[in-house]
Amino acid sequence: MMFSATLCFFAIFVILQVLYLIIPMIRFLSSKPTPLSTQGQEGITILIPAFNEERIILTCLYGILQLDYSKYQVIIINDGSTDHTLELLQKNLHY
């Protein structure tokens, strides 16, 4: 008797958990993506601190170039790096 009640509650629990996962997935897959247009987009400023970041600064720049947003400006803050961060930025930004 006790085992069957426990099994019944467990089955209900599993069904609810599966529904909890499947319903949002179905809603996400059936929704149509809204295209981004430049009208109505607010401009943003992206601040990138770059103190001694020569190993990853180019990866960061390439990531910024992949943004799906049109109205933005990027400010890179290099406050006296002792490595080659500034040289990499100047070379790759044609500055």
PDB file of N, CA and C in Angstrom:
ATOM      1  N   MET A   1       0.823  -1.184   0.000  1.00  0.00           N
ATOM      2  CA  MET A   1       0.000   0.000   0.000  1.00  0.00           C
ATOM      3  C   MET A   1       0.872   1.253   0.000  1.00  0.00           C
ATOM      4  N   MET A   2       1.822   1.297   0.901  1.00  0.00           N
ATOM      5  CA  MET A   2       2.683   2.477   1.011  1.00  0.00           C
ATOM      6  C   MET A   2       3.585   2.603  -0.208  1.00  0.00           C
ATOM      7  N   PHE A   3       4.031   1.440  -0.714  1.00  0.00           N
ATOM      8  CA  PHE A   3       4.905   1.451  -1.886  1.00  0.00           C
ATOM      9  C   PHE A   3       4.169   1.984  -3.114  1.00  0.00           C
ATOM     10  N   SER A   4       2.928   1.604  -3.299  1.00  0.00           N
ATOM     11  CA  SER A   4       2.177   2.055  -4.471  1.00  0.00           C
ATOM     12  C   SER A   4       1.878   3.550  -4.386  1.00  0.00           C
ATOM     13  N   ALA A   5       1.624   4.079  -3.210  1.00  0.00           N
ATOM     14  CA  ALA A   5       1.386   5.514  -3.051  1.00  0.00           C
ATOM     15  C   ALA A   5       2.671   6.288  -3.362  1.00  0.00           C
ATOM     16  N   THR A   6       3.787   5.790  -2.888  1.00  0.00           N
ATOM     17  CA  THR A   6       5.071   6.435  -3.167  1.00  0.00           C
ATOM     18  C   THR A   6       5.379   6.399  -4.658  1.00  0.00           C
ATOM     19  N   LEU A   7       5.129   5.275  -5.276  1.00  0.00           N
ATOM     20  CA  LEU A   7       5.353   5.136  -6.712  1.00  0.00           C
ATOM     21  C   LEU A   7       4.450   6.072  -7.514  1.00  0.00           C
ATOM     22  N   CYS A   8       3.219   6.215  -7.086  1.00  0.00           N
ATOM     23  CA  CYS A   8       2.271   7.115  -7.740  1.00  0.00           C
ATOM     24  C   CYS A   8       2.740   8.567  -7.630  1.00  0.00           C
ATOM     25  N   PHE A   9       3.162   8.987  -6.436  1.00  0.00           N
ATOM     26  CA  PHE A   9       3.660  10.356  -6.257  1.00  0.00           C
ATOM     27  C   PHE A   9       4.932  10.598  -7.062  1.00  0.00           C
ATOM     28  N   PHE A  10       5.784   9.600  -7.120  1.00  0.00           N
ATOM     29  CA  PHE A  10       7.007   9.729  -7.904  1.00  0.00           C
ATOM     30  C   PHE A  10       6.690   9.871  -9.389  1.00  0.00           C
ATOM     31  N   ALA A  11       5.721   9.097  -9.881  1.00  0.00           N
ATOM     32  CA  ALA A  11       5.327   9.184 -11.292  1.00  0.00           C
ATOM     33  C   ALA A  11       4.766  10.570 -11.606  1.00  0.00           C
ATOM     34  N   ILE A  12       3.946  11.100 -10.728  1.00  0.00           N
ATOM     35  CA  ILE A  12       3.407  12.460 -10.918  1.00  0.00           C
ATOM     36  C   ILE A  12       4.542  13.480 -10.922  1.00  0.00           C
ATOM     37  N   PHE A  13       5.481  13.317 -10.022  1.00  0.00           N
ATOM     38  CA  PHE A  13       6.633  14.216  -9.954  1.00  0.00           C
ATOM     39  C   PHE A  13       7.424  14.195 -11.263  1.00  0.00           C
ATOM     40  N   VAL A  14       7.679  12.994 -11.801  1.00  0.00           N
ATOM     41  CA  VAL A  14       8.444  12.861 -13.044  1.00  0.00           C
ATOM     42  C   VAL A  14       7.686  13.497 -14.203  1.00  0.00           C
ATOM     43  N   ILE A  15       6.400  13.274 -14.280  1.00  0.00           N
ATOM     44  CA  ILE A  15       5.590  13.863 -15.356  1.00  0.00           C
ATOM     45  C   ILE A  15       5.631  15.380 -15.297  1.00  0.00           C
ATOM     46  N   LEU A  16       5.493  15.939 -14.119  1.00  0.00           N
ATOM     47  CA  LEU A  16       5.542  17.397 -13.972  1.00  0.00           C
ATOM     48  C   LEU A  16       6.919  17.955 -14.338  1.00  0.00           C
ATOM     49  N   GLN A  17       7.966  17.245 -13.984  1.00  0.00           N
ATOM     50  CA  GLN A  17       9.310  17.703 -14.328  1.00  0.00           C
ATOM     51  C   GLN A  17       9.534  17.683 -15.828  1.00  0.00           C
ATOM     52  N   VAL A  18       9.042  16.651 -16.490  1.00  0.00           N
ATOM     53  CA  VAL A  18       9.171  16.557 -17.945  1.00  0.00           C
ATOM     54  C   VAL A  18       8.393  17.686 -18.602  1.00  0.00           C
ATOM     55  N   LEU A  19       7.190  17.953 -18.147  1.00  0.00           N
ATOM     56  CA  LEU A  19       6.402  19.069 -18.682  1.00  0.00           C
ATOM     57  C   LEU A  19       7.105  20.405 -18.434  1.00  0.00           C
ATOM     58  N   TYR A  20       7.720  20.527 -17.277  1.00  0.00           N
ATOM     59  CA  TYR A  20       8.460  21.744 -16.929  1.00  0.00           C
ATOM     60  C   TYR A  20       9.595  22.006 -17.921  1.00  0.00           C
ATOM     61  N   LEU A  21      10.184  20.956 -18.456  1.00  0.00           N
ATOM     62  CA  LEU A  21      11.260  21.108 -19.435  1.00  0.00           C
ATOM     63  C   LEU A  21      10.741  21.239 -20.862  1.00  0.00           C
ATOM     64  N   ILE A  22       9.697  20.502 -21.199  1.00  0.00           N
ATOM     65  CA  ILE A  22       9.240  20.448 -22.589  1.00  0.00           C
ATOM     66  C   ILE A  22       8.433  21.685 -22.985  1.00  0.00           C
ATOM     67  N   ILE A  23       7.560  22.171 -22.140  1.00  0.00           N
ATOM     68  CA  ILE A  23       6.705  23.311 -22.508  1.00  0.00           C
ATOM     69  C   ILE A  23       7.519  24.550 -22.872  1.00  0.00           C
ATOM     70  N   PRO A  24       8.508  24.977 -22.087  1.00  0.00           N
ATOM     71  CA  PRO A  24       9.304  26.145 -22.521  1.00  0.00           C
ATOM     72  C   PRO A  24      10.072  25.885 -23.815  1.00  0.00           C
ATOM     73  N   MET A  25      10.530  24.641 -24.015  1.00  0.00           N
ATOM     74  CA  MET A  25      11.267  24.326 -25.236  1.00  0.00           C
ATOM     75  C   MET A  25      10.354  24.449 -26.454  1.00  0.00           C
ATOM     76  N   ILE A  26       9.132  23.968 -26.360  1.00  0.00           N
ATOM     77  CA  ILE A  26       8.178  24.067 -27.464  1.00  0.00           C
ATOM     78  C   ILE A  26       7.846  25.532 -27.743  1.00  0.00           C
ATOM     79  N   ARG A  27       7.642  26.300 -26.710  1.00  0.00           N
ATOM     80  CA  ARG A  27       7.338  27.723 -26.898  1.00  0.00           C
ATOM     81  C   ARG A  27       8.511  28.452 -27.539  1.00  0.00           C
ATOM     82  N   PHE A  28       9.730  28.104 -27.153  1.00  0.00           N
ATOM     83  CA  PHE A  28      10.912  28.743 -27.729  1.00  0.00           C
ATOM     84  C   PHE A  28      11.072  28.370 -29.192  1.00  0.00           C
ATOM     85  N   LEU A  29      10.887  27.104 -29.527  1.00  0.00           N
ATOM     86  CA  LEU A  29      11.063  26.654 -30.901  1.00  0.00           C
ATOM     87  C   LEU A  29       9.965  27.167 -31.821  1.00  0.00           C
ATOM     88  N   SER A  30       8.779  27.384 -31.306  1.00  0.00           N
ATOM     89  CA  SER A  30       7.686  27.849 -32.153  1.00  0.00           C
ATOM     90  C   SER A  30       7.660  29.370 -32.309  1.00  0.00           C
ATOM     91  N   SER A  31       8.396  30.093 -31.499  1.00  0.00           N
ATOM     92  CA  SER A  31       8.399  31.553 -31.616  1.00  0.00           C
ATOM     93  C   SER A  31       9.291  31.987 -32.772  1.00  0.00           C
ATOM     94  N   LYS A  32       8.864  33.024 -33.445  1.00  0.00           N
ATOM     95  CA  LYS A  32       9.632  33.553 -34.566  1.00  0.00           C
ATOM     96  C   LYS A  32      10.598  34.614 -34.050  1.00  0.00           C
ATOM     97  N   PRO A  33      11.855  34.572 -34.486  1.00  0.00           N
ATOM     98  CA  PRO A  33      12.801  35.592 -34.033  1.00  0.00           C
ATOM     99  C   PRO A  33      12.427  36.954 -34.614  1.00  0.00           C
ATOM    100  N   THR A  34      12.527  37.953 -33.786  1.00  0.00           N
ATOM    101  CA  THR A  34      12.236  39.301 -34.248  1.00  0.00           C
ATOM    102  C   THR A  34      13.507  39.913 -34.818  1.00  0.00           C
ATOM    103  N   PRO A  35      13.439  40.415 -36.044  1.00  0.00           N
ATOM    104  CA  PRO A  35      14.634  41.007 -36.637  1.00  0.00           C
ATOM    105  C   PRO A  35      14.995  42.316 -35.932  1.00  0.00           C
ATOM    106  N   LEU A  36      16.287  42.516 -35.763  1.00  0.00           N
ATOM    107  CA  LEU A  36      16.746  43.754 -35.153  1.00  0.00           C
ATOM    108  C   LEU A  36      16.798  44.837 -36.215  1.00  0.00           C
ATOM    109  N   SER A  37      16.188  45.929 -35.941  1.00  0.00           N
ATOM    110  CA  SER A  37      16.291  47.066 -36.846  1.00  0.00           C
ATOM    111  C   SER A  37      16.959  48.199 -36.098  1.00  0.00           C
ATOM    112  N   THR A  38      17.529  49.109 -36.835  1.00  0.00           N
ATOM    113  CA  THR A  38      18.233  50.211 -36.180  1.00  0.00           C
ATOM    114  C   THR A  38      17.268  51.238 -35.635  1.00  0.00           C
ATOM    115  N   GLN A  39      16.029  51.229 -36.107  1.00  0.00           N
ATOM    116  CA  GLN A  39      15.061  52.171 -35.574  1.00  0.00           C
ATOM    117  C   GLN A  39      14.670  51.749 -34.164  1.00  0.00           C
ATOM    118  N   GLY A  40      14.712  52.680 -33.280  1.00  0.00           N
ATOM    119  CA  GLY A  40      14.328  52.408 -31.908  1.00  0.00           C
ATOM    120  C   GLY A  40      15.442  51.859 -31.038  1.00  0.00           C
ATOM    121  N   GLN A  41      16.591  51.549 -31.613  1.00  0.00           N
ATOM    122  CA  GLN A  41      17.694  51.063 -30.787  1.00  0.00           C
ATOM    123  C   GLN A  41      18.350  52.252 -30.094  1.00  0.00           C
ATOM    124  N   GLU A  42      18.613  52.059 -28.861  1.00  0.00           N
ATOM    125  CA  GLU A  42      19.352  53.062 -28.112  1.00  0.00           C
ATOM    126  C   GLU A  42      20.834  52.847 -28.351  1.00  0.00           C
ATOM    127  N   GLY A  43      21.587  53.926 -28.413  1.00  0.00           N
ATOM    128  CA  GLY A  43      23.026  53.811 -28.532  1.00  0.00           C
ATOM    129  C   GLY A  43      23.631  53.398 -27.203  1.00  0.00           C
ATOM    130  N   ILE A  44      24.658  52.585 -27.254  1.00  0.00           N
ATOM    131  CA  ILE A  44      25.331  52.156 -26.033  1.00  0.00           C
ATOM    132  C   ILE A  44      26.829  52.408 -26.170  1.00  0.00           C
ATOM    133  N   THR A  45      27.485  52.491 -25.061  1.00  0.00           N
ATOM    134  CA  THR A  45      28.935  52.613 -25.016  1.00  0.00           C
ATOM    135  C   THR A  45      29.485  51.398 -24.300  1.00  0.00           C
ATOM    136  N   ILE A  46      30.466  50.765 -24.911  1.00  0.00           N
ATOM    137  CA  ILE A  46      31.103  49.585 -24.329  1.00  0.00           C
ATOM    138  C   ILE A  46      32.474  49.998 -23.841  1.00  0.00           C
ATOM    139  N   LEU A  47      32.723  49.856 -22.561  1.00  0.00           N
ATOM    140  CA  LEU A  47      34.009  50.181 -21.963  1.00  0.00           C
ATOM    141  C   LEU A  47      34.802  48.898 -21.780  1.00  0.00           C
ATOM    142  N   ILE A  48      36.027  48.893 -22.292  1.00  0.00           N
ATOM    143  CA  ILE A  48      36.879  47.716 -22.189  1.00  0.00           C
ATOM    144  C   ILE A  48      38.156  48.097 -21.442  1.00  0.00           C
ATOM    145  N   PRO A  49      38.307  47.682 -20.190  1.00  0.00           N
ATOM    146  CA  PRO A  49      39.564  47.919 -19.493  1.00  0.00           C
ATOM    147  C   PRO A  49      40.633  46.987 -20.057  1.00  0.00           C
ATOM    148  N   ALA A  50      41.808  47.517 -20.321  1.00  0.00           N
ATOM    149  CA  ALA A  50      42.834  46.712 -21.010  1.00  0.00           C
ATOM    150  C   ALA A  50      44.208  46.927 -20.394  1.00  0.00           C
ATOM    151  N   PHE A  51      44.350  46.679 -19.129  1.00  0.00           N
ATOM    152  CA  PHE A  51      45.654  46.809 -18.479  1.00  0.00           C
ATOM    153  C   PHE A  51      46.369  45.462 -18.563  1.00  0.00           C
ATOM    154  N   ASN A  52      47.476  45.414 -19.302  1.00  0.00           N
ATOM    155  CA  ASN A  52      48.269  44.193 -19.500  1.00  0.00           C
ATOM    156  C   ASN A  52      47.408  43.023 -20.000  1.00  0.00           C
ATOM    157  N   GLU A  53      46.716  43.252 -21.089  1.00  0.00           N
ATOM    158  CA  GLU A  53      45.811  42.252 -21.660  1.00  0.00           C
ATOM    159  C   GLU A  53      46.247  41.815 -23.057  1.00  0.00           C
ATOM    160  N   GLU A  54      47.548  41.796 -23.324  1.00  0.00           N
ATOM    161  CA  GLU A  54      48.004  41.476 -24.676  1.00  0.00           C
ATOM    162  C   GLU A  54      47.593  40.078 -25.123  1.00  0.00           C
ATOM    163  N   ARG A  55      47.380  39.167 -24.189  1.00  0.00           N
ATOM    164  CA  ARG A  55      47.023  37.792 -24.565  1.00  0.00           C
ATOM    165  C   ARG A  55      45.589  37.676 -25.066  1.00  0.00           C
ATOM    166  N   ILE A  56      44.692  38.534 -24.578  1.00  0.00           N
ATOM    167  CA  ILE A  56      43.279  38.361 -24.923  1.00  0.00           C
ATOM    168  C   ILE A  56      42.632  39.569 -25.580  1.00  0.00           C
ATOM    169  N   ILE A  57      43.349  40.660 -25.753  1.00  0.00           N
ATOM    170  CA  ILE A  57      42.718  41.877 -26.263  1.00  0.00           C
ATOM    171  C   ILE A  57      42.192  41.687 -27.688  1.00  0.00           C
ATOM    172  N   LEU A  58      42.890  40.951 -28.520  1.00  0.00           N
ATOM    173  CA  LEU A  58      42.414  40.741 -29.893  1.00  0.00           C
ATOM    174  C   LEU A  58      41.162  39.861 -29.918  1.00  0.00           C
ATOM    175  N   THR A  59      41.099  38.877 -29.051  1.00  0.00           N
ATOM    176  CA  THR A  59      39.895  38.057 -28.941  1.00  0.00           C
ATOM    177  C   THR A  59      38.707  38.915 -28.524  1.00  0.00           C
ATOM    178  N   CYS A  60      38.942  39.831 -27.622  1.00  0.00           N
ATOM    179  CA  CYS A  60      37.899  40.749 -27.179  1.00  0.00           C
ATOM    180  C   CYS A  60      37.436  41.630 -28.340  1.00  0.00           C
ATOM    181  N   LEU A  61      38.374  42.157 -29.104  1.00  0.00           N
ATOM    182  CA  LEU A  61      38.022  43.003 -30.254  1.00  0.00           C
ATOM    183  C   LEU A  61      37.234  42.219 -31.293  1.00  0.00           C
ATOM    184  N   TYR A  62      37.636  41.004 -31.596  1.00  0.00           N
ATOM    185  CA  TYR A  62      36.911  40.189 -32.564  1.00  0.00           C
ATOM    186  C   TYR A  62      35.505  39.867 -32.054  1.00  0.00           C
ATOM    187  N   GLY A  63      35.373  39.691 -30.770  1.00  0.00           N
ATOM    188  CA  GLY A  63      34.045  39.467 -30.191  1.00  0.00           C
ATOM    189  C   GLY A  63      33.149  40.680 -30.339  1.00  0.00           C
ATOM    190  N   ILE A  64      33.703  41.866 -30.146  1.00  0.00           N
ATOM    191  CA  ILE A  64      32.932  43.097 -30.313  1.00  0.00           C
ATOM    192  C   ILE A  64      32.466  43.235 -31.761  1.00  0.00           C
ATOM    193  N   LEU A  65      33.311  42.851 -32.704  1.00  0.00           N
ATOM    194  CA  LEU A  65      32.937  42.948 -34.114  1.00  0.00           C
ATOM    195  C   LEU A  65      31.790  42.000 -34.476  1.00  0.00           C
ATOM    196  N   GLN A  66      31.540  40.984 -33.676  1.00  0.00           N
ATOM    197  CA  GLN A  66      30.477  40.027 -33.945  1.00  0.00           C
ATOM    198  C   GLN A  66      29.134  40.445 -33.359  1.00  0.00           C
ATOM    199  N   LEU A  67      29.070  41.613 -32.737  1.00  0.00           N
ATOM    200  CA  LEU A  67      27.819  42.055 -32.128  1.00  0.00           C
ATOM    201  C   LEU A  67      26.720  42.208 -33.169  1.00  0.00           C
ATOM    202  N   ASP A  68      25.516  41.838 -32.788  1.00  0.00           N
ATOM    203  CA  ASP A  68      24.356  42.016 -33.646  1.00  0.00           C
ATOM    204  C   ASP A  68      23.592  43.256 -33.174  1.00  0.00           C
ATOM    205  N   TYR A  69      24.305  44.344 -33.105  1.00  0.00           N
ATOM    206  CA  TYR A  69      23.770  45.607 -32.618  1.00  0.00           C
ATOM    207  C   TYR A  69      24.448  46.688 -33.429  1.00  0.00           C
ATOM    208  N   SER A  70      23.724  47.698 -33.833  1.00  0.00           N
ATOM    209  CA  SER A  70      24.328  48.645 -34.769  1.00  0.00           C
ATOM    210  C   SER A  70      24.756  49.966 -34.138  1.00  0.00           C
ATOM    211  N   LYS A  71      24.124  50.373 -33.087  1.00  0.00           N
ATOM    212  CA  LYS A  71      24.444  51.678 -32.512  1.00  0.00           C
ATOM    213  C   LYS A  71      25.269  51.513 -31.232  1.00  0.00           C
ATOM    214  N   TYR A  72      26.568  51.448 -31.412  1.00  0.00           N
ATOM    215  CA  TYR A  72      27.423  51.341 -30.241  1.00  0.00           C
ATOM    216  C   TYR A  72      28.760  52.004 -30.536  1.00  0.00           C
ATOM    217  N   GLN A  73      29.400  52.400 -29.474  1.00  0.00           N
ATOM    218  CA  GLN A  73      30.781  52.875 -29.564  1.00  0.00           C
ATOM    219  C   GLN A  73      31.596  52.117 -28.533  1.00  0.00           C
ATOM    220  N   VAL A  74      32.863  51.950 -28.826  1.00  0.00           N
ATOM    221  CA  VAL A  74      33.744  51.184 -27.949  1.00  0.00           C
ATOM    222  C   VAL A  74      34.844  52.106 -27.458  1.00  0.00           C
ATOM    223  N   ILE A  75      35.050  52.109 -26.157  1.00  0.00           N
ATOM    224  CA  ILE A  75      36.154  52.858 -25.552  1.00  0.00           C
ATOM    225  C   ILE A  75      37.048  51.838 -24.856  1.00  0.00           C
ATOM    226  N   ILE A  76      38.289  51.773 -25.311  1.00  0.00           N
ATOM    227  CA  ILE A  76      39.261  50.858 -24.714  1.00  0.00           C
ATOM    228  C   ILE A  76      40.136  51.672 -23.769  1.00  0.00           C
ATOM    229  N   ILE A  77      40.177  51.262 -22.532  1.00  0.00           N
ATOM    230  CA  ILE A  77      40.907  51.996 -21.499  1.00  0.00           C
ATOM    231  C   ILE A  77      42.203  51.248 -21.211  1.00  0.00           C
ATOM    232  N   ASN A  78      43.303  51.821 -21.647  1.00  0.00           N
ATOM    233  CA  ASN A  78      44.616  51.218 -21.433  1.00  0.00           C
ATOM    234  C   ASN A  78      45.391  52.179 -20.532  1.00  0.00           C
ATOM    235  N   ASP A  79      45.484  51.848 -19.281  1.00  0.00           N
ATOM    236  CA  ASP A  79      46.083  52.752 -18.301  1.00  0.00           C
ATOM    237  C   ASP A  79      47.512  52.339 -17.977  1.00  0.00           C
ATOM    238  N   GLY A  80      48.402  52.524 -18.940  1.00  0.00           N
ATOM    239  CA  GLY A  80      49.820  52.291 -18.685  1.00  0.00           C
ATOM    240  C   GLY A  80      50.223  50.834 -18.667  1.00  0.00           C
ATOM    241  N   SER A  81      49.744  50.055 -19.605  1.00  0.00           N
ATOM    242  CA  SER A  81      50.146  48.643 -19.671  1.00  0.00           C
ATOM    243  C   SER A  81      51.650  48.531 -19.849  1.00  0.00           C
ATOM    244  N   THR A  82      52.230  47.520 -19.215  1.00  0.00           N
ATOM    245  CA  THR A  82      53.673  47.293 -19.334  1.00  0.00           C
ATOM    246  C   THR A  82      53.988  46.200 -20.348  1.00  0.00           C
ATOM    247  N   ASP A  83      52.959  45.652 -20.982  1.00  0.00           N
ATOM    248  CA  ASP A  83      53.184  44.650 -22.019  1.00  0.00           C
ATOM    249  C   ASP A  83      52.897  45.297 -23.385  1.00  0.00           C
ATOM    250  N   HIS A  84      52.546  44.519 -24.378  1.00  0.00           N
ATOM    251  CA  HIS A  84      52.359  45.036 -25.733  1.00  0.00           C
ATOM    252  C   HIS A  84      50.892  45.264 -26.084  1.00  0.00           C
ATOM    253  N   THR A  85      50.066  45.531 -25.084  1.00  0.00           N
ATOM    254  CA  THR A  85      48.645  45.760 -25.340  1.00  0.00           C
ATOM    255  C   THR A  85      48.435  46.952 -26.261  1.00  0.00           C
ATOM    256  N   LEU A  86      49.071  48.058 -25.972  1.00  0.00           N
ATOM    257  CA  LEU A  86      48.888  49.268 -26.770  1.00  0.00           C
ATOM    258  C   LEU A  86      49.342  49.052 -28.208  1.00  0.00           C
ATOM    259  N   GLU A  87      50.473  48.391 -28.406  1.00  0.00           N
ATOM    260  CA  GLU A  87      50.966  48.153 -29.761  1.00  0.00           C
ATOM    261  C   GLU A  87      50.003  47.269 -30.554  1.00  0.00           C
ATOM    262  N   LEU A  88      49.463  46.243 -29.920  1.00  0.00           N
ATOM    263  CA  LEU A  88      48.489  45.379 -30.589  1.00  0.00           C
ATOM    264  C   LEU A  88      47.229  46.154 -30.981  1.00  0.00           C
ATOM    265  N   LEU A  89      46.777  47.021 -30.089  1.00  0.00           N
ATOM    266  CA  LEU A  89      45.591  47.822 -30.398  1.00  0.00           C
ATOM    267  C   LEU A  89      45.866  48.761 -31.563  1.00  0.00           C
ATOM    268  N   GLN A  90      47.000  49.432 -31.521  1.00  0.00           N
ATOM    269  CA  GLN A  90      47.335  50.380 -32.591  1.00  0.00           C
ATOM    270  C   GLN A  90      47.467  49.656 -33.933  1.00  0.00           C
ATOM    271  N   LYS A  91      48.095  48.515 -33.935  1.00  0.00           N
ATOM    272  CA  LYS A  91      48.307  47.769 -35.175  1.00  0.00           C
ATOM    273  C   LYS A  91      47.006  47.261 -35.753  1.00  0.00           C
ATOM    274  N   ASN A  92      46.128  46.718 -34.901  1.00  0.00           N
ATOM    275  CA  ASN A  92      44.898  46.102 -35.389  1.00  0.00           C
ATOM    276  C   ASN A  92      43.741  47.070 -35.573  1.00  0.00           C
ATOM    277  N   LEU A  93      43.833  48.242 -34.981  1.00  0.00           N
ATOM    278  CA  LEU A  93      42.800  49.251 -35.185  1.00  0.00           C
ATOM    279  C   LEU A  93      43.218  50.296 -36.203  1.00  0.00           C
ATOM    280  N   HIS A  94      44.391  50.122 -36.789  1.00  0.00           N
ATOM    281  CA  HIS A  94      44.930  51.041 -37.802  1.00  0.00           C
ATOM    282  C   HIS A  94      44.930  52.472 -37.286  1.00  0.00           C
ATOM    283  N   TYR A  95      45.454  52.639 -36.082  1.00  0.00           N
ATOM    284  CA  TYR A  95      45.471  53.942 -35.432  1.00  0.00           C
ATOM    285  C   TYR A  95      46.849  54.519 -35.491  1.00  0.00           C
TER     286      TYR A  95
END
